[in-house]
Amino acid sequence: MYPCLNCKQCKYVMKGTTFKHPGTGEIIEIYGYHTCLTQFVVYAIEKGHTAEQLRFTVLEMVPPLERGGDRELRLREVWWINKLNSLHPHGLNKDYNLYLFL
């Protein structure tokens, strides 16, 4: 992910083509060229001790469905929440919707 150099979020971008899982140390490759303005993406947020230390990166871009809606995006969010074990108390996600799998 790279900053677009034209918005207020740029200073919070974790630059690069990899993401290091803060809990396990696993290195995750990020494919594609994404900026802070890219839409339909799954984000990873890394928190520090203060709001100024908050950083984010794009893990994956999910193209919108032809008929509209964001079902596929939400499915991928659930997949990443599971992979990164980021449900509270281990992460910032409070819950996710299992109705997507019905």
N, C-alpha and C. Protein backbone atom coordinates (compact mmCIF):
# COMPACT_ATOMS: atom_id res chain seq x y z
N MET A 1 0.84 -1.17 0.00
CA MET A 1 0.00 0.00 0.00
C MET A 1 0.89 1.23 0.00
N TYR A 2 0.38 2.26 -0.62
CA TYR A 2 1.14 3.49 -0.74
C TYR A 2 0.23 4.69 -0.47
N PRO A 3 0.76 5.76 0.09
CA PRO A 3 -0.06 6.95 0.29
C PRO A 3 -0.35 7.64 -1.04
N CYS A 4 -1.52 8.27 -1.11
CA CYS A 4 -1.88 8.99 -2.35
C CYS A 4 -1.20 10.36 -2.38
N LEU A 5 -0.68 10.80 -1.24
CA LEU A 5 0.01 12.08 -1.07
C LEU A 5 -0.91 13.29 -1.23
N ASN A 6 -2.21 13.05 -1.09
CA ASN A 6 -3.15 14.15 -1.28
C ASN A 6 -4.30 14.12 -0.27
N CYS A 7 -4.16 13.41 0.86
CA CYS A 7 -5.26 13.36 1.81
C CYS A 7 -4.71 13.31 3.25
N LYS A 8 -5.61 13.46 4.20
CA LYS A 8 -5.23 13.49 5.61
C LYS A 8 -4.85 12.12 6.15
N GLN A 9 -5.28 11.04 5.48
CA GLN A 9 -4.96 9.69 5.95
C GLN A 9 -3.55 9.24 5.60
N CYS A 10 -2.90 9.92 4.67
CA CYS A 10 -1.58 9.49 4.17
C CYS A 10 -0.58 9.24 5.29
N LYS A 11 -0.59 10.07 6.32
CA LYS A 11 0.40 9.90 7.38
C LYS A 11 0.17 8.65 8.22
N TYR A 12 -0.99 8.00 8.07
CA TYR A 12 -1.30 6.80 8.83
C TYR A 12 -1.11 5.51 8.04
N VAL A 13 -0.68 5.61 6.80
CA VAL A 13 -0.52 4.44 5.93
C VAL A 13 0.73 3.65 6.31
N MET A 14 0.58 2.32 6.41
CA MET A 14 1.73 1.43 6.55
C MET A 14 2.18 1.11 5.12
N LYS A 15 3.29 1.66 4.71
CA LYS A 15 3.76 1.51 3.33
C LYS A 15 4.39 0.13 3.11
N GLY A 16 4.27 -0.36 1.88
CA GLY A 16 4.96 -1.59 1.53
C GLY A 16 4.07 -2.64 0.91
N THR A 17 4.67 -3.78 0.59
CA THR A 17 3.96 -4.87 -0.07
C THR A 17 3.76 -6.06 0.85
N THR A 18 4.10 -5.90 2.13
CA THR A 18 3.88 -6.97 3.11
C THR A 18 3.26 -6.39 4.37
N PHE A 19 2.63 -7.28 5.13
CA PHE A 19 2.02 -6.92 6.41
C PHE A 19 2.49 -7.96 7.42
N LYS A 20 3.02 -7.52 8.55
CA LYS A 20 3.48 -8.44 9.58
C LYS A 20 2.40 -8.54 10.66
N HIS A 21 1.90 -9.77 10.85
CA HIS A 21 0.88 -10.00 11.87
C HIS A 21 1.48 -9.66 13.23
N PRO A 22 0.88 -8.73 13.97
CA PRO A 22 1.48 -8.30 15.24
C PRO A 22 1.51 -9.39 16.31
N GLY A 23 0.61 -10.36 16.22
CA GLY A 23 0.57 -11.42 17.23
C GLY A 23 1.49 -12.59 16.94
N THR A 24 1.49 -13.05 15.69
CA THR A 24 2.25 -14.25 15.34
C THR A 24 3.57 -13.95 14.63
N GLY A 25 3.70 -12.75 14.08
CA GLY A 25 4.90 -12.41 13.33
C GLY A 25 4.87 -12.89 11.89
N GLU A 26 3.77 -13.55 11.49
CA GLU A 26 3.64 -14.05 10.12
C GLU A 26 3.68 -12.88 9.13
N ILE A 27 4.43 -13.06 8.06
CA ILE A 27 4.51 -12.05 7.00
C ILE A 27 3.48 -12.40 5.93
N ILE A 28 2.60 -11.44 5.63
CA ILE A 28 1.54 -11.64 4.65
C ILE A 28 1.81 -10.73 3.46
N GLU A 29 1.87 -11.34 2.28
CA GLU A 29 2.10 -10.59 1.04
C GLU A 29 0.83 -9.84 0.66
N ILE A 30 0.98 -8.60 0.23
CA ILE A 30 -0.15 -7.80 -0.24
C ILE A 30 0.02 -7.61 -1.74
N TYR A 31 -0.96 -8.07 -2.50
CA TYR A 31 -0.89 -8.02 -3.96
C TYR A 31 -1.69 -6.84 -4.48
N GLY A 32 -1.21 -6.21 -5.53
CA GLY A 32 -1.89 -5.08 -6.14
C GLY A 32 -1.31 -3.77 -5.67
N TYR A 33 -1.71 -2.71 -6.34
CA TYR A 33 -1.27 -1.36 -5.98
C TYR A 33 -2.46 -0.64 -5.38
N HIS A 34 -2.38 -0.32 -4.09
CA HIS A 34 -3.49 0.31 -3.39
C HIS A 34 -3.01 1.60 -2.74
N THR A 35 -3.89 2.58 -2.71
CA THR A 35 -3.61 3.83 -2.00
C THR A 35 -4.70 4.03 -0.95
N CYS A 36 -4.60 5.11 -0.20
CA CYS A 36 -5.61 5.39 0.82
C CYS A 36 -6.96 5.75 0.20
N LEU A 37 -7.01 5.94 -1.10
CA LEU A 37 -8.27 6.27 -1.77
C LEU A 37 -8.91 5.07 -2.46
N THR A 38 -8.26 3.91 -2.47
CA THR A 38 -8.80 2.73 -3.11
C THR A 38 -10.08 2.30 -2.41
N GLN A 39 -11.11 1.98 -3.21
CA GLN A 39 -12.40 1.58 -2.66
C GLN A 39 -12.56 0.07 -2.68
N PHE A 40 -13.54 -0.43 -1.93
CA PHE A 40 -13.88 -1.84 -1.85
C PHE A 40 -12.69 -2.67 -1.38
N VAL A 41 -12.16 -2.31 -0.23
CA VAL A 41 -10.98 -2.99 0.30
C VAL A 41 -11.21 -3.50 1.71
N VAL A 42 -10.40 -4.47 2.10
CA VAL A 42 -10.35 -4.95 3.47
C VAL A 42 -9.10 -4.33 4.08
N TYR A 43 -9.28 -3.61 5.18
CA TYR A 43 -8.18 -2.93 5.85
C TYR A 43 -7.68 -3.71 7.05
N ALA A 44 -6.42 -3.56 7.36
CA ALA A 44 -5.86 -4.00 8.64
C ALA A 44 -5.44 -2.72 9.37
N ILE A 45 -5.86 -2.62 10.61
CA ILE A 45 -5.50 -1.46 11.42
C ILE A 45 -4.61 -1.93 12.55
N GLU A 46 -3.50 -1.24 12.72
CA GLU A 46 -2.56 -1.55 13.79
C GLU A 46 -2.57 -0.39 14.76
N LYS A 47 -2.85 -0.69 16.01
CA LYS A 47 -2.93 0.39 16.99
C LYS A 47 -1.67 0.46 17.82
N GLY A 48 -1.34 1.67 18.19
CA GLY A 48 -0.22 1.89 19.10
C GLY A 48 -0.77 2.30 20.45
N HIS A 49 -0.04 3.10 21.17
CA HIS A 49 -0.48 3.55 22.49
C HIS A 49 -1.34 4.80 22.42
N THR A 50 -1.23 5.56 21.34
CA THR A 50 -2.02 6.78 21.18
C THR A 50 -2.69 6.78 19.81
N ALA A 51 -3.63 7.71 19.61
CA ALA A 51 -4.30 7.82 18.32
C ALA A 51 -3.32 8.18 17.21
N GLU A 52 -2.26 8.90 17.53
CA GLU A 52 -1.26 9.27 16.53
C GLU A 52 -0.47 8.06 16.04
N GLN A 53 -0.44 6.99 16.82
CA GLN A 53 0.30 5.79 16.44
C GLN A 53 -0.55 4.80 15.64
N LEU A 54 -1.81 5.12 15.40
CA LEU A 54 -2.71 4.27 14.62
C LEU A 54 -2.23 4.23 13.17
N ARG A 55 -2.13 3.03 12.60
CA ARG A 55 -1.69 2.86 11.22
C ARG A 55 -2.63 1.87 10.52
N PHE A 56 -2.73 1.98 9.19
CA PHE A 56 -3.57 1.04 8.45
C PHE A 56 -2.93 0.66 7.12
N THR A 57 -3.35 -0.50 6.62
CA THR A 57 -2.93 -0.95 5.30
C THR A 57 -4.08 -1.69 4.65
N VAL A 58 -4.06 -1.79 3.34
CA VAL A 58 -5.05 -2.56 2.60
C VAL A 58 -4.54 -3.98 2.48
N LEU A 59 -5.36 -4.95 2.89
CA LEU A 59 -4.99 -6.35 2.76
C LEU A 59 -5.43 -6.92 1.42
N GLU A 60 -6.60 -6.46 0.96
CA GLU A 60 -7.15 -7.03 -0.27
C GLU A 60 -8.18 -6.07 -0.85
N MET A 61 -8.22 -5.99 -2.17
CA MET A 61 -9.25 -5.22 -2.87
C MET A 61 -10.25 -6.22 -3.42
N VAL A 62 -11.54 -5.99 -3.14
CA VAL A 62 -12.61 -6.89 -3.58
C VAL A 62 -13.51 -6.11 -4.53
N PRO A 63 -13.48 -6.42 -5.83
CA PRO A 63 -14.30 -5.67 -6.79
C PRO A 63 -15.78 -5.79 -6.44
N PRO A 64 -16.55 -4.72 -6.66
CA PRO A 64 -17.98 -4.78 -6.37
C PRO A 64 -18.69 -5.75 -7.31
N LEU A 65 -19.78 -6.33 -6.83
CA LEU A 65 -20.57 -7.25 -7.65
C LEU A 65 -21.31 -6.47 -8.73
N GLU A 66 -21.59 -7.11 -9.85
CA GLU A 66 -22.28 -6.45 -10.95
C GLU A 66 -23.66 -5.95 -10.53
N ARG A 67 -24.32 -6.70 -9.67
CA ARG A 67 -25.66 -6.32 -9.22
C ARG A 67 -25.64 -5.34 -8.06
N GLY A 68 -24.47 -5.00 -7.61
CA GLY A 68 -24.35 -4.11 -6.46
C GLY A 68 -24.27 -4.91 -5.17
N GLY A 69 -24.21 -4.22 -4.08
CA GLY A 69 -24.10 -4.90 -2.79
C GLY A 69 -22.65 -5.15 -2.41
N ASP A 70 -22.47 -5.56 -1.18
CA ASP A 70 -21.11 -5.76 -0.67
C ASP A 70 -20.94 -7.12 0.00
N ARG A 71 -21.73 -8.10 -0.42
CA ARG A 71 -21.67 -9.43 0.19
C ARG A 71 -20.27 -10.04 0.09
N GLU A 72 -19.67 -9.99 -1.09
CA GLU A 72 -18.33 -10.58 -1.27
C GLU A 72 -17.29 -9.87 -0.40
N LEU A 73 -17.40 -8.55 -0.31
CA LEU A 73 -16.49 -7.78 0.54
C LEU A 73 -16.62 -8.21 1.99
N ARG A 74 -17.85 -8.36 2.46
CA ARG A 74 -18.07 -8.78 3.85
C ARG A 74 -17.58 -10.21 4.10
N LEU A 75 -17.75 -11.09 3.11
CA LEU A 75 -17.23 -12.45 3.24
C LEU A 75 -15.71 -12.44 3.40
N ARG A 76 -15.04 -11.61 2.60
CA ARG A 76 -13.58 -11.52 2.71
C ARG A 76 -13.16 -10.90 4.03
N GLU A 77 -13.93 -9.94 4.54
CA GLU A 77 -13.63 -9.35 5.85
C GLU A 77 -13.68 -10.43 6.93
N VAL A 78 -14.72 -11.28 6.89
CA VAL A 78 -14.84 -12.37 7.86
C VAL A 78 -13.65 -13.32 7.72
N TRP A 79 -13.26 -13.63 6.48
CA TRP A 79 -12.12 -14.52 6.25
C TRP A 79 -10.86 -13.95 6.89
N TRP A 80 -10.59 -12.65 6.68
CA TRP A 80 -9.40 -12.01 7.24
C TRP A 80 -9.48 -11.93 8.76
N ILE A 81 -10.66 -11.64 9.31
CA ILE A 81 -10.82 -11.61 10.77
C ILE A 81 -10.44 -12.96 11.35
N ASN A 82 -10.89 -14.03 10.69
CA ASN A 82 -10.55 -15.38 11.14
C ASN A 82 -9.06 -15.66 11.01
N LYS A 83 -8.49 -15.35 9.84
CA LYS A 83 -7.06 -15.62 9.59
C LYS A 83 -6.16 -14.88 10.57
N LEU A 84 -6.51 -13.62 10.85
CA LEU A 84 -5.67 -12.81 11.73
C LEU A 84 -6.05 -12.93 13.20
N ASN A 85 -7.11 -13.71 13.49
CA ASN A 85 -7.59 -13.87 14.87
C ASN A 85 -7.78 -12.49 15.52
N SER A 86 -8.53 -11.63 14.83
CA SER A 86 -8.64 -10.25 15.29
C SER A 86 -9.97 -9.91 15.95
N LEU A 87 -10.71 -10.94 16.40
CA LEU A 87 -11.90 -10.67 17.20
C LEU A 87 -11.47 -10.25 18.60
N HIS A 88 -12.26 -9.38 19.20
CA HIS A 88 -12.00 -8.94 20.58
C HIS A 88 -11.99 -10.17 21.48
N PRO A 89 -11.11 -10.38 22.39
CA PRO A 89 -10.14 -9.47 22.96
C PRO A 89 -8.77 -9.49 22.27
N HIS A 90 -8.60 -10.33 21.24
CA HIS A 90 -7.29 -10.41 20.55
C HIS A 90 -7.08 -9.28 19.56
N GLY A 91 -8.17 -8.67 19.10
CA GLY A 91 -8.07 -7.62 18.09
C GLY A 91 -9.16 -6.58 18.27
N LEU A 92 -9.32 -5.73 17.27
CA LEU A 92 -10.26 -4.62 17.34
C LEU A 92 -11.66 -4.96 16.85
N ASN A 93 -11.86 -6.11 16.20
CA ASN A 93 -13.18 -6.48 15.70
C ASN A 93 -14.04 -7.01 16.84
N LYS A 94 -15.22 -6.39 17.03
CA LYS A 94 -16.12 -6.82 18.10
C LYS A 94 -16.93 -8.04 17.70
N ASP A 95 -17.28 -8.13 16.42
CA ASP A 95 -18.06 -9.27 15.94
C ASP A 95 -18.01 -9.32 14.42
N TYR A 96 -18.62 -10.34 13.87
CA TYR A 96 -18.84 -10.40 12.43
C TYR A 96 -20.12 -11.16 12.18
N ASN A 97 -20.69 -10.97 11.01
CA ASN A 97 -22.00 -11.53 10.71
C ASN A 97 -21.88 -12.89 10.05
N LEU A 98 -22.31 -13.93 10.76
CA LEU A 98 -22.27 -15.27 10.20
C LEU A 98 -23.42 -15.51 9.24
N TYR A 99 -24.43 -14.61 9.21
CA TYR A 99 -25.54 -14.78 8.27
C TYR A 99 -25.05 -14.79 6.83
N LEU A 100 -23.87 -14.27 6.57
CA LEU A 100 -23.33 -14.26 5.22
C LEU A 100 -23.10 -15.67 4.68
N PHE A 101 -22.95 -16.64 5.59
CA PHE A 101 -22.65 -18.00 5.18
C PHE A 101 -23.89 -18.88 5.09
N LEU A 102 -25.06 -18.31 5.33
CA LEU A 102 -26.30 -19.08 5.26
C LEU A 102 -26.86 -19.11 3.86
